[in-house]
PDB file of N, CA and C in Angstrom:
ATOM      1  N   MET A   1       0.153 -11.710  -8.366  1.00  0.00           N
ATOM      2  CA  MET A   1       0.715 -10.518  -8.015  1.00  0.00           C
ATOM      3  C   MET A   1       2.173 -10.436  -7.819  1.00  0.00           C
ATOM      4  N   GLN A   2       3.151  -9.775  -7.491  1.00  0.00           N
ATOM      5  CA  GLN A   2       4.649  -9.600  -7.971  1.00  0.00           C
ATOM      6  C   GLN A   2       4.750  -8.861  -6.935  1.00  0.00           C
ATOM      7  N   ILE A   3       5.752  -9.457  -5.676  1.00  0.00           N
ATOM      8  CA  ILE A   3       5.913  -8.880  -4.632  1.00  0.00           C
ATOM      9  C   ILE A   3       7.331  -7.848  -4.679  1.00  0.00           C
ATOM     10  N   ILE A   4       7.466  -7.094  -4.535  1.00  0.00           N
ATOM     11  CA  ILE A   4       8.621  -5.946  -4.658  1.00  0.00           C
ATOM     12  C   ILE A   4       9.200  -6.003  -3.189  1.00  0.00           C
ATOM     13  N   GLN A   5      10.488  -6.792  -2.749  1.00  0.00           N
ATOM     14  CA  GLN A   5      11.420  -6.278  -1.681  1.00  0.00           C
ATOM     15  C   GLN A   5      12.287  -5.199  -2.060  1.00  0.00           C
ATOM     16  N   GLN A   6      12.233  -4.506  -0.916  1.00  0.00           N
ATOM     17  CA  GLN A   6      13.025  -2.972  -1.026  1.00  0.00           C
ATOM     18  C   GLN A   6      13.144  -2.974   0.828  1.00  0.00           C
ATOM     19  N   ILE A   7      14.816  -3.069   0.788  1.00  0.00           N
ATOM     20  CA  ILE A   7      14.809  -2.231   2.203  1.00  0.00           C
ATOM     21  C   ILE A   7      13.963  -2.488   3.581  1.00  0.00           C
ATOM     22  N   GLY A   8      13.816  -4.075   3.012  1.00  0.00           N
ATOM     23  CA  GLY A   8      13.064  -4.745   4.284  1.00  0.00           C
ATOM     24  C   GLY A   8      11.468  -4.752   4.612  1.00  0.00           C
ATOM     25  N   VAL A   9      11.346  -4.364   3.378  1.00  0.00           N
ATOM     26  CA  VAL A   9       9.340  -4.355   3.496  1.00  0.00           C
ATOM     27  C   VAL A   9       9.311  -4.564   1.687  1.00  0.00           C
ATOM     28  N   ALA A  10       8.603  -5.728   1.893  1.00  0.00           N
ATOM     29  CA  ALA A  10       7.600  -6.336   0.836  1.00  0.00           C
ATOM     30  C   ALA A  10       6.460  -6.051   0.621  1.00  0.00           C
ATOM     31  N   LEU A  11       5.905  -5.355  -0.501  1.00  0.00           N
ATOM     32  CA  LEU A  11       4.550  -4.922  -0.461  1.00  0.00           C
ATOM     33  C   LEU A  11       4.318  -5.197  -1.926  1.00  0.00           C
ATOM     34  N   ALA A  12       3.245  -5.611  -2.108  1.00  0.00           N
ATOM     35  CA  ALA A  12       2.164  -5.854  -3.701  1.00  0.00           C
ATOM     36  C   ALA A  12       1.226  -5.252  -3.990  1.00  0.00           C
ATOM     37  N   ILE A  13       1.228  -4.395  -4.969  1.00  0.00           N
ATOM     38  CA  ILE A  13       0.018  -4.100  -5.473  1.00  0.00           C
ATOM     39  C   ILE A  13      -0.215  -4.635  -6.732  1.00  0.00           C
ATOM     40  N   SER A  14      -1.573  -4.571  -6.877  1.00  0.00           N
ATOM     41  CA  SER A  14      -2.578  -5.193  -7.967  1.00  0.00           C
ATOM     42  C   SER A  14      -2.486  -4.267  -9.482  1.00  0.00           C
ATOM     43  N   PRO A  15      -1.998  -4.800 -10.488  1.00  0.00           N
ATOM     44  CA  PRO A  15      -2.891  -4.076 -11.775  1.00  0.00           C
ATOM     45  C   PRO A  15      -3.791  -2.600 -11.407  1.00  0.00           C
ATOM     46  N   ARG A  16      -4.933  -3.679 -11.208  1.00  0.00           N
ATOM     47  CA  ARG A  16      -5.632  -2.721 -10.750  1.00  0.00           C
ATOM     48  C   ARG A  16      -5.727  -1.126  -9.886  1.00  0.00           C
ATOM     49  N   THR A  17      -4.756  -1.736  -9.074  1.00  0.00           N
ATOM     50  CA  THR A  17      -4.275  -0.691  -7.865  1.00  0.00           C
ATOM     51  C   THR A  17      -3.592   0.520  -9.245  1.00  0.00           C
ATOM     52  N   ALA A  18      -2.382  -0.434  -9.694  1.00  0.00           N
ATOM     53  CA  ALA A  18      -1.524   0.851 -10.171  1.00  0.00           C
ATOM     54  C   ALA A  18      -2.477   1.699 -10.946  1.00  0.00           C
ATOM     55  N   LEU A  19      -3.233   1.233 -11.660  1.00  0.00           N
ATOM     56  CA  LEU A  19      -4.176   1.540 -12.780  1.00  0.00           C
ATOM     57  C   LEU A  19      -5.014   2.594 -12.221  1.00  0.00           C
ATOM     58  N   ALA A  20      -5.728   2.549 -11.324  1.00  0.00           N
ATOM     59  CA  ALA A  20      -6.285   3.678  -9.986  1.00  0.00           C
ATOM     60  C   ALA A  20      -5.498   4.996 -10.056  1.00  0.00           C
ATOM     61  N   VAL A  21      -4.040   4.251  -9.442  1.00  0.00           N
ATOM     62  CA  VAL A  21      -3.030   5.455  -9.178  1.00  0.00           C
ATOM     63  C   VAL A  21      -2.703   6.364 -10.600  1.00  0.00           C
ATOM     64  N   GLN A  22      -2.356   5.451 -11.358  1.00  0.00           N
ATOM     65  CA  GLN A  22      -2.284   6.181 -12.483  1.00  0.00           C
ATOM     66  C   GLN A  22      -3.282   7.469 -13.250  1.00  0.00           C
ATOM     67  N   ARG A  23      -4.427   6.669 -12.987  1.00  0.00           N
ATOM     68  CA  ARG A  23      -5.910   7.737 -12.835  1.00  0.00           C
ATOM     69  C   ARG A  23      -6.069   8.877 -12.578  1.00  0.00           C
ATOM     70  N   ALA A  24      -5.444   8.509 -10.560  1.00  0.00           N
ATOM     71  CA  ALA A  24      -5.648   9.466  -9.739  1.00  0.00           C
ATOM     72  C   ALA A  24      -5.004  11.260 -10.285  1.00  0.00           C
ATOM     73  N   LEU A  25      -3.251  10.271 -10.596  1.00  0.00           N
ATOM     74  CA  LEU A  25      -1.955  11.086 -10.960  1.00  0.00           C
ATOM     75  C   LEU A  25      -2.692  11.708 -12.114  1.00  0.00           C
ATOM     76  N   VAL A  26      -3.497  11.596 -13.207  1.00  0.00           N
ATOM     77  CA  VAL A  26      -4.050  12.579 -14.090  1.00  0.00           C
ATOM     78  C   VAL A  26      -4.474  13.250 -13.363  1.00  0.00           C
ATOM     79  N   VAL A  27      -5.764  12.833 -12.676  1.00  0.00           N
ATOM     80  CA  VAL A  27      -6.604  13.912 -12.068  1.00  0.00           C
ATOM     81  C   VAL A  27      -5.897  15.031 -11.596  1.00  0.00           C
ATOM     82  N   ALA A  28      -5.085  14.966 -10.822  1.00  0.00           N
ATOM     83  CA  ALA A  28      -4.085  15.610  -9.877  1.00  0.00           C
ATOM     84  C   ALA A  28      -3.387  16.602 -10.479  1.00  0.00           C
ATOM     85  N   GLY A  29      -2.730  16.523 -11.997  1.00  0.00           N
ATOM     86  CA  GLY A  29      -1.713  16.968 -12.559  1.00  0.00           C
ATOM     87  C   GLY A  29      -0.848  16.890 -12.604  1.00  0.00           C
ATOM     88  N   MET A  30      -0.691  15.661 -12.298  1.00  0.00           N
ATOM     89  CA  MET A  30       0.600  15.264 -11.998  1.00  0.00           C
ATOM     90  C   MET A  30       1.497  13.667 -13.056  1.00  0.00           C
ATOM     91  N   SER A  31       2.497  13.595 -13.152  1.00  0.00           N
ATOM     92  CA  SER A  31       2.744  12.474 -14.047  1.00  0.00           C
ATOM     93  C   SER A  31       3.408  10.704 -13.344  1.00  0.00           C
ATOM     94  N   GLU A  32       3.205  10.142 -13.627  1.00  0.00           N
ATOM     95  CA  GLU A  32       4.173   9.074 -12.827  1.00  0.00           C
ATOM     96  C   GLU A  32       5.463   9.031 -12.692  1.00  0.00           C
ATOM     97  N   GLU A  33       6.039  10.290 -13.180  1.00  0.00           N
ATOM     98  CA  GLU A  33       7.383  10.345 -13.036  1.00  0.00           C
ATOM     99  C   GLU A  33       7.849  11.102 -11.487  1.00  0.00           C
ATOM    100  N   VAL A  34       6.654  12.041 -11.389  1.00  0.00           N
ATOM    101  CA  VAL A  34       6.872  12.619 -10.751  1.00  0.00           C
ATOM    102  C   VAL A  34       6.243  12.456  -9.040  1.00  0.00           C
ATOM    103  N   GLY A  35       4.218  12.068  -8.994  1.00  0.00           N
ATOM    104  CA  GLY A  35       3.702  11.329  -8.173  1.00  0.00           C
ATOM    105  C   GLY A  35       3.699   9.870  -7.834  1.00  0.00           C
ATOM    106  N   GLY A  36       3.347   9.954  -6.718  1.00  0.00           N
ATOM    107  CA  GLY A  36       2.906   8.763  -6.214  1.00  0.00           C
ATOM    108  C   GLY A  36       1.620   8.110  -5.532  1.00  0.00           C
ATOM    109  N   LEU A  37       1.552   7.104  -4.885  1.00  0.00           N
ATOM    110  CA  LEU A  37       0.336   6.900  -3.586  1.00  0.00           C
ATOM    111  C   LEU A  37       0.788   6.555  -2.549  1.00  0.00           C
ATOM    112  N   ARG A  38       0.936   7.451  -1.589  1.00  0.00           N
ATOM    113  CA  ARG A  38       1.185   7.058  -0.234  1.00  0.00           C
ATOM    114  C   ARG A  38       0.461   6.194   0.449  1.00  0.00           C
ATOM    115  N   VAL A  39       0.963   5.231   1.262  1.00  0.00           N
ATOM    116  CA  VAL A  39      -0.137   4.321   2.484  1.00  0.00           C
ATOM    117  C   VAL A  39       0.720   4.463   3.400  1.00  0.00           C
ATOM    118  N   THR A  40      -0.288   5.105   4.338  1.00  0.00           N
ATOM    119  CA  THR A  40       0.106   4.922   5.619  1.00  0.00           C
ATOM    120  C   THR A  40      -0.676   4.154   6.393  1.00  0.00           C
ATOM    121  N   ALA A  41       0.019   4.352   7.505  1.00  0.00           N
ATOM    122  CA  ALA A  41      -0.468   3.282   8.816  1.00  0.00           C
ATOM    123  C   ALA A  41      -0.787   4.135   9.810  1.00  0.00           C
ATOM    124  N   ARG A  42      -1.836   3.682  10.540  1.00  0.00           N
ATOM    125  CA  ARG A  42      -1.969   4.804  11.702  1.00  0.00           C
ATOM    126  C   ARG A  42      -2.625   3.863  12.814  1.00  0.00           C
ATOM    127  N   ALA A  43      -1.839   4.207  13.804  1.00  0.00           N
ATOM    128  CA  ALA A  43      -2.416   3.130  15.144  1.00  0.00           C
ATOM    129  C   ALA A  43      -3.494   3.866  15.700  1.00  0.00           C
ATOM    130  N   THR A  44      -4.836   2.853  16.213  1.00  0.00           N
ATOM    131  CA  THR A  44      -5.765   3.414  16.533  1.00  0.00           C
ATOM    132  C   THR A  44      -6.444   2.216  18.149  1.00  0.00           C
ATOM    133  N   ARG A  45      -7.431   2.473  18.821  1.00  0.00           N
ATOM    134  CA  ARG A  45      -7.593   1.639  19.721  1.00  0.00           C
ATOM    135  C   ARG A  45      -8.105   0.537  19.333  1.00  0.00           C
ATOM    136  N   ARG A  46      -8.498   0.504  18.606  1.00  0.00           N
ATOM    137  CA  ARG A  46      -8.712  -0.734  17.564  1.00  0.00           C
ATOM    138  C   ARG A  46      -7.943  -1.737  16.174  1.00  0.00           C
ATOM    139  N   GLY A  47      -6.783  -1.045  16.883  1.00  0.00           N
ATOM    140  CA  GLY A  47      -5.845  -2.175  15.974  1.00  0.00           C
ATOM    141  C   GLY A  47      -5.265  -0.604  14.697  1.00  0.00           C
ATOM    142  N   LEU A  48      -5.433  -0.935  13.447  1.00  0.00           N
ATOM    143  CA  LEU A  48      -4.521   0.006  12.486  1.00  0.00           C
ATOM    144  C   LEU A  48      -5.180   0.499  11.572  1.00  0.00           C
ATOM    145  N   ASP A  49      -5.530   1.714  11.310  1.00  0.00           N
ATOM    146  CA  ASP A  49      -6.313   2.672  10.085  1.00  0.00           C
ATOM    147  C   ASP A  49      -5.287   2.527   8.853  1.00  0.00           C
ATOM    148  N   TYR A  50      -5.508   2.235   7.730  1.00  0.00           N
ATOM    149  CA  TYR A  50      -4.615   2.946   6.755  1.00  0.00           C
ATOM    150  C   TYR A  50      -4.976   3.909   6.117  1.00  0.00           C
ATOM    151  N   GLY A  51      -4.486   3.943   5.235  1.00  0.00           N
ATOM    152  CA  GLY A  51      -4.493   6.024   4.413  1.00  0.00           C
ATOM    153  C   GLY A  51      -4.043   5.744   2.979  1.00  0.00           C
ATOM    154  N   PHE A  52      -4.791   6.392   2.109  1.00  0.00           N
ATOM    155  CA  PHE A  52      -4.008   6.364   0.973  1.00  0.00           C
ATOM    156  C   PHE A  52      -4.417   7.761   0.274  1.00  0.00           C
ATOM    157  N   THR A  53      -3.298   8.350  -0.228  1.00  0.00           N
ATOM    158  CA  THR A  53      -3.544   9.835  -0.618  1.00  0.00           C
ATOM    159  C   THR A  53      -2.130   9.707  -2.090  1.00  0.00           C
ATOM    160  N   ILE A  54      -2.841  10.780  -2.553  1.00  0.00           N
ATOM    161  CA  ILE A  54      -2.030  11.134  -4.032  1.00  0.00           C
ATOM    162  C   ILE A  54      -0.335  12.243  -3.763  1.00  0.00           C
ATOM    163  N   GLU A  55       0.661  12.148  -3.697  1.00  0.00           N
ATOM    164  CA  GLU A  55       1.124  13.162  -3.249  1.00  0.00           C
ATOM    165  C   GLU A  55       2.763  12.860  -4.793  1.00  0.00           C
ATOM    166  N   GLY A  56       2.745  14.510  -4.374  1.00  0.00           N
ATOM    167  CA  GLY A  56       3.654  14.654  -5.598  1.00  0.00           C
ATOM    168  C   GLY A  56       4.997  13.839  -5.897  1.00  0.00           C
ATOM    169  N   ASP A  57       5.886  14.047  -4.457  1.00  0.00           N
ATOM    170  CA  ASP A  57       6.890  13.055  -3.847  1.00  0.00           C
ATOM    171  C   ASP A  57       7.347  12.711  -3.035  1.00  0.00           C
ATOM    172  N   ALA A  58       8.223  11.489  -2.797  1.00  0.00           N
ATOM    173  CA  ALA A  58       8.963  10.777  -1.609  1.00  0.00           C
ATOM    174  C   ALA A  58       9.277  11.986  -0.754  1.00  0.00           C
ATOM    175  N   ARG A  59       8.847  11.799   0.747  1.00  0.00           N
ATOM    176  CA  ARG A  59       9.618  12.624   1.611  1.00  0.00           C
ATOM    177  C   ARG A  59      11.434  11.339   1.755  1.00  0.00           C
ATOM    178  N   GLU A  60      11.948  12.521   3.009  1.00  0.00           N
ATOM    179  CA  GLU A  60      12.893  12.005   2.960  1.00  0.00           C
ATOM    180  C   GLU A  60      13.527  10.116   3.652  1.00  0.00           C
ATOM    181  N   THR A  61      12.669  10.279   4.376  1.00  0.00           N
ATOM    182  CA  THR A  61      13.119   8.749   5.122  1.00  0.00           C
ATOM    183  C   THR A  61      11.996   8.359   4.562  1.00  0.00           C
ATOM    184  N   ASP A  62      11.023   8.196   3.392  1.00  0.00           N
ATOM    185  CA  ASP A  62      10.122   7.121   2.801  1.00  0.00           C
ATOM    186  C   ASP A  62      11.046   6.145   2.415  1.00  0.00           C
ATOM    187  N   ILE A  63      10.204   4.380   2.198  1.00  0.00           N
ATOM    188  CA  ILE A  63      10.614   3.669   1.106  1.00  0.00           C
ATOM    189  C   ILE A  63       9.751   4.019  -0.135  1.00  0.00           C
ATOM    190  N   VAL A  64      10.520   3.780  -1.410  1.00  0.00           N
ATOM    191  CA  VAL A  64       9.927   4.051  -2.333  1.00  0.00           C
ATOM    192  C   VAL A  64       9.583   2.631  -3.073  1.00  0.00           C
ATOM    193  N   ILE A  65       8.742   2.338  -3.401  1.00  0.00           N
ATOM    194  CA  ILE A  65       8.114   0.578  -4.516  1.00  0.00           C
ATOM    195  C   ILE A  65       7.945   0.917  -5.474  1.00  0.00           C
ATOM    196  N   ARG A  66       8.294   0.791  -6.734  1.00  0.00           N
ATOM    197  CA  ARG A  66       7.968   0.754  -7.710  1.00  0.00           C
ATOM    198  C   ARG A  66       7.873  -0.337  -8.036  1.00  0.00           C
ATOM    199  N   GLN A  67       6.207  -0.368  -8.971  1.00  0.00           N
ATOM    200  CA  GLN A  67       5.725  -1.729  -9.238  1.00  0.00           C
ATOM    201  C   GLN A  67       4.432  -1.410 -10.026  1.00  0.00           C
ATOM    202  N   HIS A  68       4.350  -2.055 -11.495  1.00  0.00           N
ATOM    203  CA  HIS A  68       3.515  -1.770 -12.557  1.00  0.00           C
ATOM    204  C   HIS A  68       3.509  -0.745 -13.203  1.00  0.00           C
ATOM    205  N   GLY A  69       4.547   0.078 -13.065  1.00  0.00           N
ATOM    206  CA  GLY A  69       4.821   1.571 -13.461  1.00  0.00           C
ATOM    207  C   GLY A  69       4.680   2.694 -12.689  1.00  0.00           C
ATOM    208  N   VAL A  70       3.998   2.618 -11.253  1.00  0.00           N
ATOM    209  CA  VAL A  70       3.932   3.557 -10.010  1.00  0.00           C
ATOM    210  C   VAL A  70       4.949   3.458  -8.992  1.00  0.00           C
ATOM    211  N   ARG A  71       4.649   4.448  -8.355  1.00  0.00           N
ATOM    212  CA  ARG A  71       5.603   4.773  -7.460  1.00  0.00           C
ATOM    213  C   ARG A  71       4.668   4.197  -5.913  1.00  0.00           C
ATOM    214  N   VAL A  72       5.174   4.163  -4.883  1.00  0.00           N
ATOM    215  CA  VAL A  72       4.225   3.822  -3.418  1.00  0.00           C
ATOM    216  C   VAL A  72       5.729   4.674  -2.747  1.00  0.00           C
ATOM    217  N   TYR A  73       4.928   5.604  -1.400  1.00  0.00           N
ATOM    218  CA  TYR A  73       5.325   5.684  -0.842  1.00  0.00           C
ATOM    219  C   TYR A  73       5.200   5.688   0.689  1.00  0.00           C
ATOM    220  N   VAL A  74       6.015   4.899   1.382  1.00  0.00           N
ATOM    221  CA  VAL A  74       5.574   4.357   2.612  1.00  0.00           C
ATOM    222  C   VAL A  74       6.698   4.956   3.705  1.00  0.00           C
ATOM    223  N   ASP A  75       6.149   5.067   4.738  1.00  0.00           N
ATOM    224  CA  ASP A  75       7.226   5.995   5.824  1.00  0.00           C
ATOM    225  C   ASP A  75       7.412   4.620   6.456  1.00  0.00           C
ATOM    226  N   PRO A  76       8.608   4.772   7.680  1.00  0.00           N
ATOM    227  CA  PRO A  76       8.988   3.646   8.380  1.00  0.00           C
ATOM    228  C   PRO A  76       8.403   2.893   8.933  1.00  0.00           C
ATOM    229  N   PHE A  77       7.376   3.681   9.839  1.00  0.00           N
ATOM    230  CA  PHE A  77       6.231   3.258  10.648  1.00  0.00           C
ATOM    231  C   PHE A  77       5.372   2.802   9.918  1.00  0.00           C
ATOM    232  N   SER A  78       5.371   2.828   8.958  1.00  0.00           N
ATOM    233  CA  SER A  78       3.825   2.354   7.937  1.00  0.00           C
ATOM    234  C   SER A  78       4.431   0.708   7.638  1.00  0.00           C
ATOM    235  N   ALA A  79       5.828   1.162   6.989  1.00  0.00           N
ATOM    236  CA  ALA A  79       6.202  -0.367   6.145  1.00  0.00           C
ATOM    237  C   ALA A  79       6.449  -1.569   7.392  1.00  0.00           C
ATOM    238  N   GLN A  80       6.450  -1.286   8.593  1.00  0.00           N
ATOM    239  CA  GLN A  80       6.565  -2.034   9.480  1.00  0.00           C
ATOM    240  C   GLN A  80       5.406  -2.673   9.519  1.00  0.00           C
ATOM    241  N   HIS A  81       4.609  -2.247   9.262  1.00  0.00           N
ATOM    242  CA  HIS A  81       2.857  -2.988   9.895  1.00  0.00           C
ATOM    243  C   HIS A  81       2.991  -3.386   8.194  1.00  0.00           C
ATOM    244  N   LEU A  82       3.192  -3.366   7.061  1.00  0.00           N
ATOM    245  CA  LEU A  82       2.238  -3.320   5.837  1.00  0.00           C
ATOM    246  C   LEU A  82       3.511  -4.314   5.384  1.00  0.00           C
ATOM    247  N   ASP A  83       4.532  -5.072   5.853  1.00  0.00           N
ATOM    248  CA  ASP A  83       5.488  -5.950   5.221  1.00  0.00           C
ATOM    249  C   ASP A  83       4.658  -7.420   4.405  1.00  0.00           C
ATOM    250  N   GLY A  84       5.050  -7.413   4.040  1.00  0.00           N
ATOM    251  CA  GLY A  84       4.146  -8.767   3.481  1.00  0.00           C
ATOM    252  C   GLY A  84       2.718  -8.839   3.065  1.00  0.00           C
ATOM    253  N   SER A  85       1.848  -7.211   2.855  1.00  0.00           N
ATOM    254  CA  SER A  85       0.576  -7.198   2.542  1.00  0.00           C
ATOM    255  C   SER A  85       0.323  -6.632   0.912  1.00  0.00           C
ATOM    256  N   GLU A  86      -0.546  -6.958   0.502  1.00  0.00           N
ATOM    257  CA  GLU A  86      -0.927  -6.961  -0.458  1.00  0.00           C
ATOM    258  C   GLU A  86      -1.775  -5.830  -0.286  1.00  0.00           C
ATOM    259  N   ILE A  87      -1.752  -4.432  -1.869  1.00  0.00           N
ATOM    260  CA  ILE A  87      -2.949  -3.452  -2.017  1.00  0.00           C
ATOM    261  C   ILE A  87      -3.540  -3.813  -2.861  1.00  0.00           C
ATOM    262  N   ASP A  88      -5.153  -3.817  -2.995  1.00  0.00           N
ATOM    263  CA  ASP A  88      -6.046  -4.262  -4.434  1.00  0.00           C
ATOM    264  C   ASP A  88      -6.781  -2.760  -4.478  1.00  0.00           C
ATOM    265  N   TYR A  89      -7.754  -2.853  -5.284  1.00  0.00           N
ATOM    266  CA  TYR A  89      -8.596  -1.411  -5.720  1.00  0.00           C
ATOM    267  C   TYR A  89      -9.688  -1.909  -6.305  1.00  0.00           C
ATOM    268  N   ALA A  90     -11.216  -1.626  -5.565  1.00  0.00           N
ATOM    269  CA  ALA A  90     -12.176  -2.394  -6.135  1.00  0.00           C
ATOM    270  C   ALA A  90     -12.880  -0.796  -6.478  1.00  0.00           C
ATOM    271  N   ASP A  91     -13.222  -1.221  -7.794  1.00  0.00           N
ATOM    272  CA  ASP A  91     -14.238  -0.382  -8.116  1.00  0.00           C
ATOM    273  C   ASP A  91     -15.408  -0.630  -9.040  1.00  0.00           C
ATOM    274  N   GLU A  92     -16.404  -1.214  -8.095  1.00  0.00           N
ATOM    275  CA  GLU A  92     -17.753  -1.799  -8.523  1.00  0.00           C
ATOM    276  C   GLU A  92     -18.117  -1.787  -9.919  1.00  0.00           C
ATOM    277  N   ASP A  93     -18.890  -0.277 -10.165  1.00  0.00           N
ATOM    278  CA  ASP A  93     -19.338   0.214 -10.651  1.00  0.00           C
ATOM    279  C   ASP A  93     -18.544   1.245 -11.860  1.00  0.00           C
ATOM    280  N   GLY A  94     -17.380   1.246 -12.033  1.00  0.00           N
ATOM    281  CA  GLY A  94     -16.679   1.659 -12.693  1.00  0.00           C
ATOM    282  C   GLY A  94     -16.337   3.594 -12.567  1.00  0.00           C
ATOM    283  N   ASP A  95     -16.521   3.918 -11.619  1.00  0.00           N
ATOM    284  CA  ASP A  95     -16.430   5.159 -11.067  1.00  0.00           C
ATOM    285  C   ASP A  95     -15.590   5.575 -10.021  1.00  0.00           C
ATOM    286  N   LEU A  96     -14.852   6.035 -10.191  1.00  0.00           N
ATOM    287  CA  LEU A  96     -13.683   6.125  -9.064  1.00  0.00           C
ATOM    288  C   LEU A  96     -14.264   6.592  -7.432  1.00  0.00           C
ATOM    289  N   GLY A  97     -15.373   7.541  -7.587  1.00  0.00           N
ATOM    290  CA  GLY A  97     -16.253   7.933  -6.543  1.00  0.00           C
ATOM    291  C   GLY A  97     -16.704   6.728  -5.545  1.00  0.00           C
ATOM    292  N   ALA A  98     -17.079   5.576  -5.735  1.00  0.00           N
ATOM    293  CA  ALA A  98     -17.541   4.675  -5.411  1.00  0.00           C
ATOM    294  C   ALA A  98     -16.393   3.519  -5.140  1.00  0.00           C
ATOM    295  N   ALA A  99     -14.607   3.943  -5.026  1.00  0.00           N
ATOM    296  CA  ALA A  99     -14.233   2.755  -5.034  1.00  0.00           C
ATOM    297  C   ALA A  99     -13.216   2.843  -3.666  1.00  0.00           C
ATOM    298  N   ALA A 100     -12.318   1.939  -3.923  1.00  0.00           N
ATOM    299  CA  ALA A 100     -11.760   1.470  -2.451  1.00  0.00           C
ATOM    300  C   ALA A 100     -10.269   0.634  -2.326  1.00  0.00           C
ATOM    301  N   PHE A 101      -9.372   1.515  -1.479  1.00  0.00           N
ATOM    302  CA  PHE A 101      -8.262   0.366  -1.576  1.00  0.00           C
ATOM    303  C   PHE A 101      -8.105  -0.088  -0.624  1.00  0.00           C
ATOM    304  N   THR A 102      -8.320  -1.608  -0.856  1.00  0.00           N
ATOM    305  CA  THR A 102      -7.895  -2.639   0.383  1.00  0.00           C
ATOM    306  C   THR A 102      -6.435  -3.009   0.805  1.00  0.00           C
ATOM    307  N   VAL A 103      -6.316  -3.363   1.950  1.00  0.00           N
ATOM    308  CA  VAL A 103      -5.223  -4.083   2.458  1.00  0.00           C
ATOM    309  C   VAL A 103      -5.338  -5.307   3.129  1.00  0.00           C
ATOM    310  N   THR A 104      -4.430  -6.172   1.777  1.00  0.00           N
ATOM    311  CA  THR A 104      -4.994  -7.484   2.852  1.00  0.00           C
ATOM    312  C   THR A 104      -3.310  -7.827   3.381  1.00  0.00           C
ATOM    313  N   LEU A 105      -3.225  -8.089   4.928  1.00  0.00           N
ATOM    314  CA  LEU A 105      -2.449  -8.463   5.651  1.00  0.00           C
ATOM    315  C   LEU A 105      -1.788  -9.857   5.726  1.00  0.00           C
ATOM    316  N   PRO A 106      -0.396  -9.811   5.583  1.00  0.00           N
ATOM    317  CA  PRO A 106       0.011 -11.657   5.769  1.00  0.00           C
ATOM    318  C   PRO A 106      -0.338 -12.191   6.604  1.00  0.00           C
ATOM    319  N   LYS A 107      -0.688 -13.736   6.620  1.00  0.00           N
ATOM    320  CA  LYS A 107      -0.872 -14.469   7.411  1.00  0.00           C
ATOM    321  C   LYS A 107       0.144 -14.863   8.310  1.00  0.00           C
ATOM    322  N   ARG A 108       0.140 -14.369   9.461  1.00  0.00           N
ATOM    323  CA  ARG A 108       1.259 -14.265  10.898  1.00  0.00           C
ATOM    324  C   ARG A 108       1.010 -15.656  11.215  1.00  0.00           C
ATOM    325  N   ARG A 109       2.141 -16.525  11.773  1.00  0.00           N
ATOM    326  CA  ARG A 109       1.869 -17.903  12.197  1.00  0.00           C
ATOM    327  C   ARG A 109       1.805 -17.812  13.825  1.00  0.00           C
ATOM    328  N   VAL A 110       0.660 -18.490  13.795  1.00  0.00           N
ATOM    329  CA  VAL A 110       0.616 -17.958  15.452  1.00  0.00           C
ATOM    330  C   VAL A 110       1.303 -19.459  16.135  1.00  0.00           C
ATOM    331  N   ALA A 111       2.389 -19.091  16.956  1.00  0.00           N
ATOM    332  CA  ALA A 111       2.974 -20.345  17.741  1.00  0.00           C
ATOM    333  C   ALA A 111       1.608 -21.119  18.732  1.00  0.00           C
ATOM    334  N   ARG A 112       1.699 -22.604  18.554  1.00  0.00           N
ATOM    335  CA  ARG A 112       0.647 -23.310  19.413  1.00  0.00           C
ATOM    336  C   ARG A 112       1.388 -23.528  20.690  1.00  0.00           C
ATOM    337  N   PRO A 113       1.059 -23.255  22.195  1.00  0.00           N
ATOM    338  CA  PRO A 113       1.453 -24.022  23.103  1.00  0.00           C
ATOM    339  C   PRO A 113       1.605 -25.506  23.595  1.00  0.00           C
ATOM    340  N   ALA A 114       2.771 -25.924  23.826  1.00  0.00           N
ATOM    341  CA  ALA A 114       2.666 -27.069  23.445  1.00  0.00           C
ATOM    342  C   ALA A 114       2.588 -27.632  25.056  1.00  0.00           C
ATOM    343  N   LEU A 115       1.847 -29.175  25.313  1.00  0.00           N
ATOM    344  CA  LEU A 115       1.868 -29.462  26.238  1.00  0.00           C
ATOM    345  C   LEU A 115       2.705 -30.285  26.824  1.00  0.00           C
ATOM    346  N   VAL A 116       2.865 -29.830  27.995  1.00  0.00           N
ATOM    347  CA  VAL A 116       4.347 -30.131  29.249  1.00  0.00           C
ATOM    348  C   VAL A 116       3.696 -31.012  30.121  1.00  0.00           C
ATOM    349  N   ALA A 117       3.605 -32.543  30.364  1.00  0.00           N
ATOM    350  CA  ALA A 117       3.691 -33.585  31.006  1.00  0.00           C
ATOM    351  C   ALA A 117       4.228 -33.173  32.239  1.00  0.00           C
TER     352      ALA A 117
END
């Protein structure tokens, strides 16, 4: 996967994700020049929930990422939580109704405590 860096956010989408977005845009009656995939992160008690919707245009404060011929819209709050992530699309039986987008977060480096004698 290719990672695109734009205004402080690196986000990769798989070719399968791009194809799914292109299909969803057609179903929604939009073209790739008009619409895109909105990815949002919402804080919950258990961490973050990610949402995916097809929208006609970016909002004024969105970061727009173009990859594999499609646009991805990310608001600033979500961008900070998606930085370095990869978005993939799984469609096991070939039907859009049984499909899911998945977010793979980057592996964060955890500082190991130093032993002090």
